[in-house]
Amino acid sequence: MVKSENKASETTATSAVMQLSAVSFGYERKPLLYDVSLRIAPGEMVGLLGPNGSGKTTLLRILSGVLQPQEGQVLLEGRELTQWGRRGVARRIAVVPQELHMPFAFTVEHMVSLGRTPFISSFLGTRTKQDLAIVQDAMQAAGVSGLAERVFNELSGGERQRVMIAMALAQQPAVLLLDEPTSHLDIRYQVETLELVQELNRERGMTVVAAIHDLNLAARYFPRLILFQRGVVADAGPAEVLEPGLLKRVYGIGVQVGILRGAKHLSILPPYSEEANEVEESGIEPSVHVIAGGGSGERLMRALADAHIPFSIGALNIGDSDHTLALRLATEVITEQPYAPLSSETLKQVRARLAHVSMLIICPTPIGPGNLMLLHEALLAAQNCLPVLLLNSQDFPSASKDREPGEPEIGDIVSRDYTGGEGIKIVKQLLQAGAVSVMSIGEALEVIKKRAVTPGRTISSDN
């Protein structure tokens, strides 16, 4: 994971105002968040990034207590969130939604006063002088005092956004959660809204967590960014998170990132604009392709990254335990939708990648229908002279002692094949085509280094 050491140490040293530990959540058995662990320190300003459907809004709902995680734990100031009760959470956490539609003609002052509801003992309870003073202060801080008698539904988008922030301020929260606070706003109101949020964070010490889709605004206003794709892909400052290769893998489109002349903050630009010529692009091509899944590729991916060997991986379904780590470490990730069979388009991507790498490594993943299709692609590549390594696992017993004389060493595949023998058949064909079975990641790395792997089909030997 991309992690800023300074930010990590700062967050660890300070007691977290909110903490998520191994949180997972999904709708109708489809995973949306997988094994999310976060610490948010008091006074931080955190931006949540990710494409539509990546889990940003769901995470905010879990932080606010609207949704309960299916696995894991959410703590507010060291206590389980559910132990606070709804009123207790509302006194510590305020939420500003994307939009708020009121069925009544409430004035702005009435709307903001609703923020005091968690502090009133009963539904019909009256507001004290202190409540009224807090409402006035919230309206002044949000710059909507002059709109107090206006009807909320008749305001412009930017004005409504400020009123919702004032309503949240009336709760006097320790944590302010914002869901796409700049969506549907023109550029003036986008800037004004985030300037206001930044001022509240700086002057009132309010912890801010905001889902935001504009990467340029995120780079300008949020010192800490968390990039999501159903899990934490990167958690650091803008310079580390807004990395072109990482953004391409998560968003599926190439961008360029840099500081333009006369600018102070990072800018995210289309890949072929004239301005983009002022920023650099690494252009690193993967030299190794990995077939993995179900956690079988974790140790290999980390080893390849540590050895500075660029690699591609896939196809992996979103939600697979190897997928999130692959987004952090791989040069390219071929992705398929959750629980979906591999499409012909995805298989074409795998085939194209195998035609441009110098080696394929197949991890000891369980073989089902999806991986069987990948093994077919691997066999075609091996028959086309691509070197293939079959990485075996110590977690499964080897079938060596049971093999017939003259049969190739097929390692532990017997224990991992759930296709009625089809997987074993293809592995034997791979070995006959020249694939090499290795028993450890260290052995695999030695083979890679001896072959002097570089992008492309040509491989040279040390000898």
Protein backbone atom coordinates (compact mmCIF):
# COMPACT_ATOMS: atom_id res chain seq x y z
CA MET A 1 0.00 0.00 0.00
CA VAL A 2 1.17 3.53 -0.70
CA LYS A 3 1.60 5.04 2.75
CA SER A 4 3.10 8.31 3.86
CA GLU A 5 5.53 7.59 6.70
CA ASN A 6 5.05 11.02 8.27
CA LYS A 7 1.28 10.78 8.11
CA ALA A 8 1.30 7.21 9.38
CA SER A 9 3.46 8.05 12.38
CA GLU A 10 1.44 11.18 13.12
CA THR A 11 -1.82 9.26 13.05
CA THR A 12 -0.46 6.43 15.17
CA ALA A 13 1.02 8.78 17.75
CA THR A 14 -2.30 10.59 18.19
CA SER A 15 -5.34 8.83 19.61
CA ALA A 16 -7.76 8.24 16.73
CA VAL A 17 -11.08 10.02 16.74
CA MET A 18 -12.38 7.26 14.46
CA GLN A 19 -10.97 3.85 13.65
CA LEU A 20 -12.03 1.04 11.34
CA SER A 21 -10.58 -2.42 11.90
CA ALA A 22 -10.90 -5.06 9.13
CA VAL A 23 -14.31 -3.73 8.04
CA SER A 24 -16.09 -5.57 5.21
CA PHE A 25 -19.52 -4.83 3.76
CA GLY A 26 -21.60 -5.85 0.78
CA TYR A 27 -25.09 -5.75 -0.68
CA GLU A 28 -26.84 -9.03 -1.46
CA ARG A 29 -23.64 -11.04 -0.95
CA LYS A 30 -21.69 -8.82 -3.35
CA PRO A 31 -18.63 -7.33 -1.60
CA LEU A 32 -18.36 -3.56 -1.75
CA LEU A 33 -15.78 -2.94 0.96
CA TYR A 34 -13.17 -5.56 1.78
CA ASP A 35 -10.95 -5.61 4.88
CA VAL A 36 -10.78 -1.83 5.36
CA SER A 37 -8.66 -0.63 8.28
CA LEU A 38 -8.20 3.10 8.93
CA ARG A 39 -7.19 5.45 11.71
CA ILE A 40 -8.36 9.06 11.53
CA ALA A 41 -6.70 11.45 13.96
CA PRO A 42 -8.44 14.49 15.50
CA GLY A 43 -8.20 17.52 13.24
CA GLU A 44 -7.29 15.63 10.07
CA MET A 45 -8.74 16.56 6.70
CA VAL A 46 -9.15 13.39 4.64
CA GLY A 47 -10.37 13.03 1.06
CA LEU A 48 -11.86 9.74 -0.17
CA LEU A 49 -11.19 9.03 -3.85
CA GLY A 50 -12.30 6.31 -6.20
CA PRO A 51 -14.50 5.66 -9.25
CA ASN A 52 -18.27 5.38 -9.01
CA GLY A 53 -19.21 2.22 -7.15
CA SER A 54 -15.86 1.95 -5.36
CA GLY A 55 -17.44 2.24 -1.90
CA LYS A 56 -16.86 5.88 -0.88
CA THR A 57 -20.47 6.66 0.05
CA THR A 58 -20.87 3.28 1.71
CA LEU A 59 -17.81 3.96 3.85
CA LEU A 60 -19.27 7.31 4.96
CA ARG A 61 -22.52 5.58 5.91
CA ILE A 62 -20.58 3.05 7.97
CA LEU A 63 -18.62 5.84 9.67
CA SER A 64 -21.86 7.64 10.52
CA GLY A 65 -23.54 4.49 11.86
CA VAL A 66 -26.25 4.38 9.17
CA LEU A 67 -24.86 1.02 7.99
CA GLN A 68 -23.40 -1.72 10.17
CA PRO A 69 -20.32 -3.56 8.90
CA GLN A 70 -20.81 -7.25 8.20
CA GLU A 71 -17.33 -7.89 9.52
CA GLY A 72 -14.94 -5.78 11.54
CA GLN A 73 -15.30 -2.95 14.01
CA VAL A 74 -15.89 0.81 13.97
CA LEU A 75 -14.69 2.87 16.92
CA LEU A 76 -15.58 6.46 17.80
CA GLU A 77 -13.17 7.98 20.30
CA GLY A 78 -12.15 4.49 21.40
CA ARG A 79 -15.67 3.12 21.88
CA GLU A 80 -17.63 0.81 19.59
CA LEU A 81 -19.85 3.07 17.46
CA THR A 82 -23.02 1.15 18.32
CA GLN A 83 -22.43 1.74 22.05
CA TRP A 84 -22.93 5.47 21.61
CA GLY A 85 -26.56 5.13 20.52
CA ARG A 86 -28.07 7.19 17.69
CA ARG A 87 -28.31 10.39 19.73
CA GLY A 88 -24.75 10.01 21.02
CA VAL A 89 -23.38 9.50 17.50
CA ALA A 90 -25.34 12.52 16.22
CA ARG A 91 -23.73 14.68 18.91
CA ARG A 92 -20.24 13.71 17.71
CA ILE A 93 -20.66 13.14 13.96
CA ALA A 94 -22.44 15.35 11.41
CA VAL A 95 -23.18 14.31 7.84
CA VAL A 96 -23.59 16.61 4.83
CA PRO A 97 -25.29 14.61 2.02
CA GLN A 98 -24.97 15.30 -1.70
CA GLU A 99 -28.48 16.69 -1.83
CA LEU A 100 -31.30 17.35 0.62
CA HIS A 101 -34.91 17.69 -0.50
CA MET A 102 -37.38 19.17 1.99
CA PRO A 103 -41.12 18.52 1.53
CA PHE A 104 -41.91 21.67 3.54
CA ALA A 105 -41.19 25.35 2.98
CA PHE A 106 -38.68 25.59 5.82
CA THR A 107 -36.66 28.76 6.15
CA VAL A 108 -32.88 28.63 6.33
CA GLU A 109 -32.91 29.42 10.04
CA HIS A 110 -35.42 26.62 10.66
CA MET A 111 -33.25 24.20 8.67
CA VAL A 112 -30.11 25.08 10.60
CA SER A 113 -31.97 24.80 13.91
CA LEU A 114 -32.73 21.16 13.05
CA GLY A 115 -29.08 20.52 13.75
CA ARG A 116 -29.81 21.00 17.45
CA THR A 117 -32.26 18.06 17.48
CA PRO A 118 -29.81 15.55 19.08
CA PHE A 119 -29.47 17.90 22.08
CA ILE A 120 -33.19 18.37 22.74
CA SER A 121 -34.61 15.95 25.28
CA SER A 122 -37.92 15.32 23.49
CA PHE A 123 -39.44 15.80 20.06
CA LEU A 124 -41.59 18.67 21.31
CA GLY A 125 -38.84 20.10 23.48
CA THR A 126 -38.07 23.79 23.16
CA ARG A 127 -34.74 25.22 22.16
CA THR A 128 -32.83 27.13 24.81
CA LYS A 129 -31.08 30.47 24.43
CA GLN A 130 -27.86 28.51 24.10
CA ASP A 131 -29.34 26.48 21.22
CA LEU A 132 -30.41 29.69 19.46
CA ALA A 133 -26.95 31.20 19.94
CA ILE A 134 -25.32 28.07 18.48
CA VAL A 135 -27.64 28.25 15.44
CA GLN A 136 -26.73 31.89 14.86
CA ASP A 137 -23.03 31.08 15.17
CA ALA A 138 -23.38 28.19 12.68
CA MET A 139 -25.14 30.40 10.14
CA GLN A 140 -22.50 33.10 10.51
CA ALA A 141 -19.64 30.59 10.16
CA ALA A 142 -21.19 29.17 6.98
CA GLY A 143 -21.94 32.63 5.58
CA VAL A 144 -25.72 32.18 5.38
CA SER A 145 -26.91 34.64 8.05
CA GLY A 146 -28.25 36.92 5.32
CA LEU A 147 -30.41 34.04 4.04
CA ALA A 148 -32.06 33.29 7.41
CA GLU A 149 -35.61 34.15 6.26
CA ARG A 150 -35.30 32.66 2.79
CA VAL A 151 -37.02 29.37 1.95
CA PHE A 152 -34.43 26.58 1.69
CA ASN A 153 -35.97 24.97 -1.42
CA GLU A 154 -35.72 28.27 -3.31
CA LEU A 155 -31.96 28.67 -2.90
CA SER A 156 -29.26 28.02 -5.49
CA GLY A 157 -27.16 24.86 -5.29
CA GLY A 158 -24.19 26.60 -3.69
CA GLU A 159 -26.39 28.36 -1.14
CA ARG A 160 -28.13 25.11 -0.23
CA GLN A 161 -24.74 23.44 0.26
CA ARG A 162 -23.70 26.15 2.72
CA VAL A 163 -26.98 25.82 4.60
CA MET A 164 -26.43 22.06 4.95
CA ILE A 165 -22.94 22.72 6.30
CA ALA A 166 -24.42 25.26 8.76
CA MET A 167 -26.97 22.65 9.83
CA ALA A 168 -24.12 20.22 10.46
CA LEU A 169 -22.19 22.87 12.42
CA ALA A 170 -25.19 23.38 14.69
CA GLN A 171 -24.57 19.81 15.90
CA GLN A 172 -21.15 20.98 17.16
CA PRO A 173 -19.60 17.76 15.83
CA ALA A 174 -16.10 16.46 16.35
CA VAL A 175 -16.27 14.82 12.90
CA LEU A 176 -17.78 16.25 9.72
CA LEU A 177 -18.58 13.75 6.95
CA LEU A 178 -19.30 15.11 3.47
CA ASP A 179 -20.56 13.07 0.53
CA GLU A 180 -19.44 14.66 -2.76
CA PRO A 181 -19.82 18.23 -1.42
CA THR A 182 -18.98 19.80 -4.80
CA SER A 183 -21.16 17.65 -7.07
CA HIS A 184 -23.70 19.58 -9.19
CA LEU A 185 -22.03 22.90 -8.28
CA ASP A 186 -20.38 25.34 -10.68
CA ILE A 187 -16.71 26.12 -10.18
CA ARG A 188 -17.37 29.20 -8.01
CA TYR A 189 -19.44 27.29 -5.48
CA GLN A 190 -17.09 24.31 -5.58
CA VAL A 191 -14.20 26.50 -4.49
CA GLU A 192 -16.29 28.45 -1.95
CA THR A 193 -17.58 25.21 -0.37
CA LEU A 194 -14.14 23.66 0.02
CA GLU A 195 -12.63 26.94 1.24
CA LEU A 196 -15.31 26.96 3.94
CA VAL A 197 -14.63 23.34 4.90
CA GLN A 198 -10.89 24.04 5.02
CA GLU A 199 -11.49 27.07 7.25
CA LEU A 200 -13.64 25.05 9.65
CA ASN A 201 -10.95 22.40 9.83
CA ARG A 202 -8.19 24.93 10.42
CA GLU A 203 -9.92 27.32 12.82
CA ARG A 204 -12.23 24.96 14.73
CA GLY A 205 -10.07 21.84 14.65
CA MET A 206 -12.94 19.88 13.14
CA THR A 207 -12.05 16.48 11.67
CA VAL A 208 -13.21 16.32 8.05
CA VAL A 209 -13.73 13.22 5.93
CA ALA A 210 -15.11 13.90 2.45
CA ALA A 211 -15.84 11.73 -0.57
CA ILE A 212 -14.77 13.76 -3.57
CA HIS A 213 -14.64 12.98 -7.28
CA ASP A 214 -12.62 15.95 -8.56
CA LEU A 215 -8.96 14.93 -8.30
CA ASN A 216 -7.68 18.46 -8.81
CA LEU A 217 -9.78 19.81 -5.95
CA ALA A 218 -8.73 16.85 -3.82
CA ALA A 219 -5.06 17.65 -4.44
CA ARG A 220 -5.59 21.28 -3.52
CA TYR A 221 -7.61 20.95 -0.31
CA PHE A 222 -6.90 17.58 1.31
CA PRO A 223 -3.48 16.83 2.88
CA ARG A 224 -4.39 13.13 3.20
CA LEU A 225 -6.04 11.15 0.43
CA ILE A 226 -7.38 7.60 0.55
CA LEU A 227 -7.88 5.89 -2.79
CA PHE A 228 -10.58 3.19 -2.85
CA GLN A 229 -11.45 0.29 -5.08
CA ARG A 230 -13.51 -1.82 -2.67
CA GLY A 231 -10.55 -1.60 -0.35
CA VAL A 232 -7.77 0.82 0.50
CA VAL A 233 -5.48 1.02 -2.51
CA ALA A 234 -3.41 3.99 -1.30
CA ASP A 235 -3.40 6.14 1.83
CA ALA A 236 -0.96 9.07 1.84
CA GLY A 237 -0.49 12.64 0.66
CA PRO A 238 -1.48 13.87 -2.82
CA ALA A 239 2.00 13.38 -4.28
CA GLU A 240 2.00 9.67 -3.39
CA VAL A 241 -1.66 8.85 -4.08
CA LEU A 242 -2.12 10.83 -7.29
CA GLU A 243 0.41 8.72 -9.17
CA PRO A 244 -0.39 8.25 -12.89
CA GLY A 245 0.06 4.48 -12.98
CA LEU A 246 -2.04 3.99 -9.86
CA LEU A 247 -4.81 6.26 -11.13
CA LYS A 248 -4.85 4.43 -14.46
CA ARG A 249 -5.27 1.05 -12.76
CA VAL A 250 -8.07 2.27 -10.50
CA TYR A 251 -9.97 4.59 -12.86
CA GLY A 252 -9.20 2.73 -16.08
CA ILE A 253 -7.94 5.79 -17.96
CA GLY A 254 -4.53 7.32 -18.44
CA VAL A 255 -3.84 10.74 -16.93
CA GLN A 256 -0.75 12.82 -16.32
CA VAL A 257 0.10 14.41 -12.99
CA GLY A 258 2.49 17.24 -12.25
CA ILE A 259 2.91 20.86 -11.18
CA LEU A 260 2.38 23.30 -14.02
CA ARG A 261 4.41 26.49 -14.34
CA GLY A 262 3.32 29.07 -11.80
CA ALA A 263 1.10 26.59 -9.93
CA LYS A 264 1.40 25.45 -6.33
CA HIS A 265 -0.62 22.24 -6.28
CA LEU A 266 -0.57 19.05 -8.32
CA SER A 267 -2.70 19.02 -11.45
CA ILE A 268 -4.33 16.00 -13.08
CA LEU A 269 -4.50 16.38 -16.85
CA PRO A 270 -5.77 14.44 -19.87
CA PRO A 271 -2.97 12.28 -21.28
CA TYR A 272 -2.54 14.11 -24.58
CA SER A 273 -3.32 17.74 -23.82
CA GLU A 274 -0.69 20.39 -24.58
CA GLU A 275 -0.41 21.13 -20.87
CA ALA A 276 0.31 17.48 -20.20
CA ASN A 277 3.64 17.83 -21.99
CA GLU A 278 4.89 19.68 -18.93
CA VAL A 279 4.61 16.60 -16.71
CA GLU A 280 6.52 13.35 -16.84
CA GLU A 281 5.24 9.85 -17.49
CA SER A 282 7.19 6.78 -16.47
CA GLY A 283 6.08 4.47 -19.29
CA ILE A 284 7.30 1.32 -17.49
CA GLU A 285 6.24 -1.88 -19.24
CA PRO A 286 5.64 -5.05 -17.19
CA SER A 287 8.13 -7.83 -17.91
CA VAL A 288 6.34 -10.61 -16.01
CA HIS A 289 2.67 -11.58 -16.00
CA VAL A 290 1.10 -13.28 -12.98
CA ILE A 291 -1.98 -15.49 -12.81
CA ALA A 292 -3.27 -15.64 -9.24
CA GLY A 293 -6.40 -15.31 -7.12
CA GLY A 294 -7.80 -16.08 -3.70
CA GLY A 295 -4.71 -14.72 -1.94
CA SER A 296 -2.32 -17.07 -3.74
CA GLY A 297 -0.40 -14.19 -5.31
CA GLU A 298 0.18 -12.01 -2.25
CA ARG A 299 3.70 -13.14 -1.34
CA LEU A 300 4.84 -13.28 -4.96
CA MET A 301 3.54 -9.76 -5.71
CA ARG A 302 5.35 -8.36 -2.68
CA ALA A 303 8.55 -10.17 -3.67
CA LEU A 304 8.41 -8.88 -7.26
CA ALA A 305 7.78 -5.33 -6.02
CA ASP A 306 10.66 -5.58 -3.54
CA ALA A 307 12.92 -6.81 -6.36
CA HIS A 308 11.78 -3.90 -8.60
CA ILE A 309 10.50 -6.30 -11.25
CA PRO A 310 7.53 -4.68 -13.04
CA PHE A 311 4.67 -7.10 -13.48
CA SER A 312 1.10 -7.33 -14.72
CA ILE A 313 -1.55 -9.60 -13.22
CA GLY A 314 -4.96 -10.96 -14.08
CA ALA A 315 -7.59 -11.50 -14.76
CA LEU A 316 -8.83 -10.88 -11.20
CA ASN A 317 -12.39 -10.28 -10.10
CA ILE A 318 -13.03 -7.11 -8.11
CA GLY A 319 -13.36 -8.23 -4.50
CA ASP A 320 -10.83 -11.04 -4.87
CA SER A 321 -8.35 -10.89 -2.01
CA ASP A 322 -5.48 -10.52 -4.52
CA HIS A 323 -7.14 -7.66 -6.42
CA THR A 324 -6.67 -4.78 -3.96
CA LEU A 325 -2.99 -5.59 -3.37
CA ALA A 326 -2.48 -5.93 -7.12
CA LEU A 327 -3.81 -2.39 -7.64
CA ARG A 328 -1.13 -1.14 -5.24
CA LEU A 329 1.83 -3.12 -6.57
CA ALA A 330 1.30 -4.21 -10.18
CA THR A 331 2.12 -2.13 -13.23
CA GLU A 332 -1.08 -3.32 -14.88
CA VAL A 333 -4.13 -5.15 -13.50
CA ILE A 334 -6.61 -6.91 -15.77
CA THR A 335 -9.91 -6.70 -13.92
CA GLU A 336 -13.25 -8.49 -14.18
CA GLN A 337 -16.48 -7.58 -12.38
CA PRO A 338 -17.30 -9.26 -9.01
CA TYR A 339 -18.52 -12.85 -9.26
CA ALA A 340 -18.72 -12.56 -13.05
CA PRO A 341 -17.30 -15.19 -15.41
CA LEU A 342 -14.38 -14.07 -17.53
CA SER A 343 -15.68 -12.30 -20.62
CA SER A 344 -14.22 -12.72 -24.10
CA GLU A 345 -12.97 -9.13 -23.91
CA THR A 346 -11.12 -9.84 -20.66
CA LEU A 347 -9.53 -12.95 -22.12
CA LYS A 348 -8.39 -10.86 -25.11
CA GLN A 349 -6.67 -8.50 -22.69
CA VAL A 350 -4.90 -11.45 -21.03
CA ARG A 351 -3.85 -12.83 -24.42
CA ALA A 352 -2.51 -9.43 -25.51
CA ARG A 353 -0.53 -9.03 -22.30
CA LEU A 354 0.98 -12.53 -22.61
CA ALA A 355 2.17 -11.59 -26.09
CA HIS A 356 4.24 -8.71 -24.68
CA VAL A 357 5.82 -10.09 -21.50
CA SER A 358 8.93 -12.21 -21.11
CA MET A 359 7.65 -14.67 -18.54
CA LEU A 360 4.41 -15.99 -17.01
CA ILE A 361 4.13 -17.13 -13.39
CA ILE A 362 1.10 -19.17 -12.36
CA CYS A 363 0.45 -19.03 -8.62
CA PRO A 364 -1.03 -21.95 -6.63
CA THR A 365 -4.61 -20.72 -6.87
CA PRO A 366 -7.56 -23.15 -6.68
CA ILE A 367 -8.59 -24.13 -10.21
CA GLY A 368 -12.23 -23.49 -11.04
CA PRO A 369 -14.00 -22.63 -14.31
CA GLY A 370 -12.57 -19.07 -14.42
CA ASN A 371 -8.97 -20.07 -13.79
CA LEU A 372 -9.37 -22.97 -16.19
CA MET A 373 -9.91 -20.43 -18.97
CA LEU A 374 -6.74 -18.62 -17.89
CA LEU A 375 -4.81 -21.90 -17.95
CA HIS A 376 -5.95 -22.40 -21.54
CA GLU A 377 -4.49 -18.98 -22.39
CA ALA A 378 -1.30 -19.90 -20.53
CA LEU A 379 -0.99 -23.12 -22.54
CA LEU A 380 -1.37 -21.25 -25.83
CA ALA A 381 1.34 -18.82 -24.72
CA ALA A 382 3.66 -21.66 -23.64
CA GLN A 383 3.18 -23.37 -26.99
CA ASN A 384 4.19 -20.03 -28.51
CA CYS A 385 7.49 -20.24 -26.61
CA LEU A 386 6.64 -18.02 -23.62
CA PRO A 387 8.56 -19.28 -20.52
CA VAL A 388 6.11 -20.34 -17.80
CA LEU A 389 6.76 -20.98 -14.10
CA LEU A 390 4.29 -23.04 -12.06
CA LEU A 391 4.60 -21.91 -8.45
CA ASN A 392 3.64 -24.65 -6.00
CA SER A 393 2.38 -24.16 -2.47
CA GLN A 394 3.47 -25.81 0.75
CA ASP A 395 -0.17 -25.61 1.89
CA PHE A 396 -1.19 -28.46 -0.42
CA PRO A 397 0.31 -31.95 -0.54
CA SER A 398 2.37 -32.81 -3.60
CA ALA A 399 1.23 -35.56 -5.93
CA SER A 400 4.80 -36.50 -6.86
CA LYS A 401 4.78 -39.78 -4.99
CA ASP A 402 1.63 -40.93 -6.81
CA ARG A 403 2.69 -40.16 -10.36
CA GLU A 404 3.29 -42.85 -12.92
CA PRO A 405 6.80 -43.46 -14.35
CA GLY A 406 7.50 -40.99 -17.13
CA GLU A 407 4.77 -38.56 -16.02
CA PRO A 408 5.82 -34.93 -15.46
CA GLU A 409 6.11 -33.46 -11.95
CA ILE A 410 2.74 -31.75 -11.42
CA GLY A 411 3.35 -30.58 -7.85
CA ASP A 412 0.28 -29.81 -5.74
CA ILE A 413 -2.25 -29.25 -8.54
CA VAL A 414 -4.21 -32.40 -7.62
CA SER A 415 -5.25 -30.80 -4.31
CA ARG A 416 -6.30 -27.55 -6.00
CA ASP A 417 -8.20 -28.80 -9.04
CA TYR A 418 -11.99 -28.47 -8.76
CA THR A 419 -12.74 -29.04 -12.45
CA GLY A 420 -12.95 -32.82 -12.52
CA GLY A 421 -9.40 -33.27 -13.74
CA GLU A 422 -9.39 -30.64 -16.51
CA GLY A 423 -6.97 -28.48 -14.54
CA ILE A 424 -4.56 -31.39 -14.04
CA LYS A 425 -4.73 -32.17 -17.75
CA ILE A 426 -3.77 -28.62 -18.77
CA VAL A 427 -0.95 -28.46 -16.19
CA LYS A 428 0.53 -31.66 -17.65
CA GLN A 429 0.30 -30.11 -21.12
CA LEU A 430 2.00 -26.96 -19.81
CA LEU A 431 4.88 -29.02 -18.43
CA GLN A 432 5.18 -30.91 -21.71
CA ALA A 433 5.33 -27.51 -23.48
CA GLY A 434 8.32 -26.52 -21.35
CA ALA A 435 6.80 -24.95 -18.22
CA VAL A 436 8.97 -25.27 -15.10
CA SER A 437 7.60 -26.22 -11.67
CA VAL A 438 9.16 -24.29 -8.76
CA MET A 439 8.63 -24.92 -5.05
CA SER A 440 9.29 -21.44 -3.63
CA ILE A 441 9.12 -17.75 -4.46
CA GLY A 442 12.87 -17.52 -3.94
CA GLU A 443 13.40 -20.15 -6.60
CA ALA A 444 11.05 -18.28 -8.94
CA LEU A 445 12.98 -15.04 -8.45
CA GLU A 446 16.25 -16.81 -9.16
CA VAL A 447 14.88 -18.11 -12.46
CA ILE A 448 13.64 -14.62 -13.38
CA LYS A 449 17.01 -13.02 -12.61
CA LYS A 450 18.98 -15.68 -14.49
CA ARG A 451 16.81 -15.12 -17.53
CA ALA A 452 17.47 -11.35 -17.36
CA VAL A 453 13.79 -10.64 -17.94
CA THR A 454 13.02 -7.49 -19.92
CA PRO A 455 9.77 -6.42 -21.61
CA GLY A 456 9.17 -8.32 -24.82
CA ARG A 457 9.48 -11.90 -25.95
CA THR A 458 13.31 -12.05 -26.19
CA ILE A 459 15.05 -13.63 -23.18
CA SER A 460 18.79 -13.88 -22.75
CA SER A 461 20.67 -16.29 -20.54
CA ASP A 462 23.62 -15.62 -18.28
CA ASN A 463 25.57 -18.43 -19.91
